[in-house]
């Protein structure tokens, strides 16, 4: 006969919600430490609620992070092209000014 859990269903739900709210930024170990529970206990609660392994939810968060990083990379590449063009224009202007000074 299994012993009754010392954690209420409300506490379990809140712990699972807290872990999910971190959206992959925090590990089971980090969240469990904040709640003073064993990380494997938290992992089991998430797995049991989902009916699948806890790590299976991670690809969704990883896909969102990948999309964000790709957009950031595109933005930075565009900004770098603009800076290179600006630098080239300023270099030409400086060379032109240097010729006039002579």
Protein backbone atom coordinates (compact mmCIF):
# COMPACT_ATOMS: atom_id res chain seq x y z
CA UNK A 1 0.00 0.00 0.00
CA UNK A 2 1.45 3.37 -1.05
CA UNK A 3 1.67 6.08 1.53
CA UNK A 4 -0.41 9.21 0.93
CA UNK A 5 1.38 12.16 -0.59
CA UNK A 6 2.37 15.00 1.67
CA UNK A 7 1.66 17.44 -1.19
CA UNK A 8 -1.86 18.58 -1.96
CA UNK A 9 -3.25 18.44 -5.52
CA UNK A 10 -3.33 22.26 -5.49
CA UNK A 11 0.37 22.41 -4.63
CA UNK A 12 1.16 19.96 -7.42
CA UNK A 13 -0.84 21.99 -9.94
CA UNK A 14 0.85 25.20 -8.86
CA UNK A 15 4.29 23.57 -9.08
CA UNK A 16 3.56 22.31 -12.60
CA UNK A 17 2.25 25.73 -13.62
CA UNK A 18 5.35 27.41 -12.22
CA UNK A 19 7.64 25.07 -14.18
CA UNK A 20 5.66 25.61 -17.38
CA UNK A 21 5.64 29.38 -16.89
CA UNK A 22 9.42 29.33 -17.02
CA UNK A 23 9.09 28.22 -20.68
CA UNK A 24 12.34 26.29 -20.64
CA UNK A 25 14.37 29.05 -19.00
CA UNK A 26 14.56 27.12 -15.73
CA UNK A 27 15.24 23.46 -15.05
CA UNK A 28 13.25 21.06 -12.93
CA UNK A 29 16.07 21.33 -10.40
CA UNK A 30 15.77 25.14 -10.18
CA UNK A 31 11.99 25.16 -9.79
CA UNK A 32 12.05 22.23 -7.36
CA UNK A 33 14.64 23.99 -5.20
CA UNK A 34 12.38 27.05 -4.96
CA UNK A 35 9.50 24.81 -3.87
CA UNK A 36 11.60 22.60 -1.60
CA UNK A 37 10.65 19.39 -3.45
CA UNK A 38 12.74 16.74 -5.14
CA UNK A 39 13.36 17.53 -8.83
CA UNK A 40 12.34 14.00 -9.81
CA UNK A 41 9.08 14.47 -7.94
CA UNK A 42 8.32 17.60 -9.97
CA UNK A 43 9.31 15.81 -13.19
CA UNK A 44 6.97 12.94 -12.30
CA UNK A 45 4.08 15.32 -11.63
CA UNK A 46 4.54 16.98 -15.01
CA UNK A 47 4.87 13.62 -16.79
CA UNK A 48 1.80 12.23 -15.05
CA UNK A 49 -0.31 15.28 -15.83
CA UNK A 50 0.66 15.23 -19.50
CA UNK A 51 0.53 11.49 -19.89
CA UNK A 52 3.93 11.71 -21.60
CA UNK A 53 7.54 12.32 -20.61
CA UNK A 54 8.15 15.79 -19.21
CA UNK A 55 10.84 16.56 -21.75
CA UNK A 56 8.31 16.12 -24.58
CA UNK A 57 7.00 19.64 -23.90
CA UNK A 58 10.43 21.13 -24.46
CA UNK A 59 10.45 21.03 -28.30
CA UNK A 60 7.59 23.54 -28.39
CA UNK A 61 9.59 25.95 -26.28
CA UNK A 62 12.69 25.21 -28.31
CA UNK A 63 10.84 25.91 -31.58
CA UNK A 64 9.64 29.26 -30.24
CA UNK A 65 13.15 30.12 -29.08
CA UNK A 66 14.59 29.06 -32.44
CA UNK A 67 12.11 31.28 -34.29
CA UNK A 68 12.97 34.20 -32.01
CA UNK A 69 16.70 33.69 -32.53
CA UNK A 70 16.30 33.44 -36.31
CA UNK A 71 14.37 36.71 -36.37
CA UNK A 72 17.04 38.34 -34.20
CA UNK A 73 19.77 37.00 -36.48
CA UNK A 74 18.01 38.44 -39.54
CA UNK A 75 17.61 41.81 -37.84
CA UNK A 76 21.27 41.89 -36.82
CA UNK A 77 22.48 40.87 -40.30
CA UNK A 78 20.44 43.72 -41.82
CA UNK A 79 21.82 46.18 -39.28
CA UNK A 80 25.37 45.02 -40.00
CA UNK A 81 24.89 45.63 -43.75
CA UNK A 82 23.63 49.14 -42.99
CA UNK A 83 26.64 49.82 -40.74
CA UNK A 84 29.05 48.54 -43.39
CA UNK A 85 27.47 50.82 -45.99
CA UNK A 86 27.61 53.78 -43.61
CA UNK A 87 31.25 53.02 -42.78
CA UNK A 88 32.14 52.83 -46.49
CA UNK A 89 30.42 56.16 -47.19
CA UNK A 90 32.25 57.80 -44.28
CA UNK A 91 35.57 56.32 -45.46
CA UNK A 92 35.01 57.78 -48.92
CA UNK A 93 34.05 61.15 -47.44
CA UNK A 94 37.19 61.17 -45.29
CA UNK A 95 39.36 60.29 -48.30
CA UNK A 96 37.73 63.07 -50.32
CA UNK A 97 38.27 65.58 -47.53
CA UNK A 98 41.91 64.51 -47.18
CA UNK A 99 42.49 65.13 -50.89
CA UNK A 100 41.01 68.65 -50.68
CA UNK A 101 43.17 69.57 -47.70
CA UNK A 102 46.40 68.82 -49.61
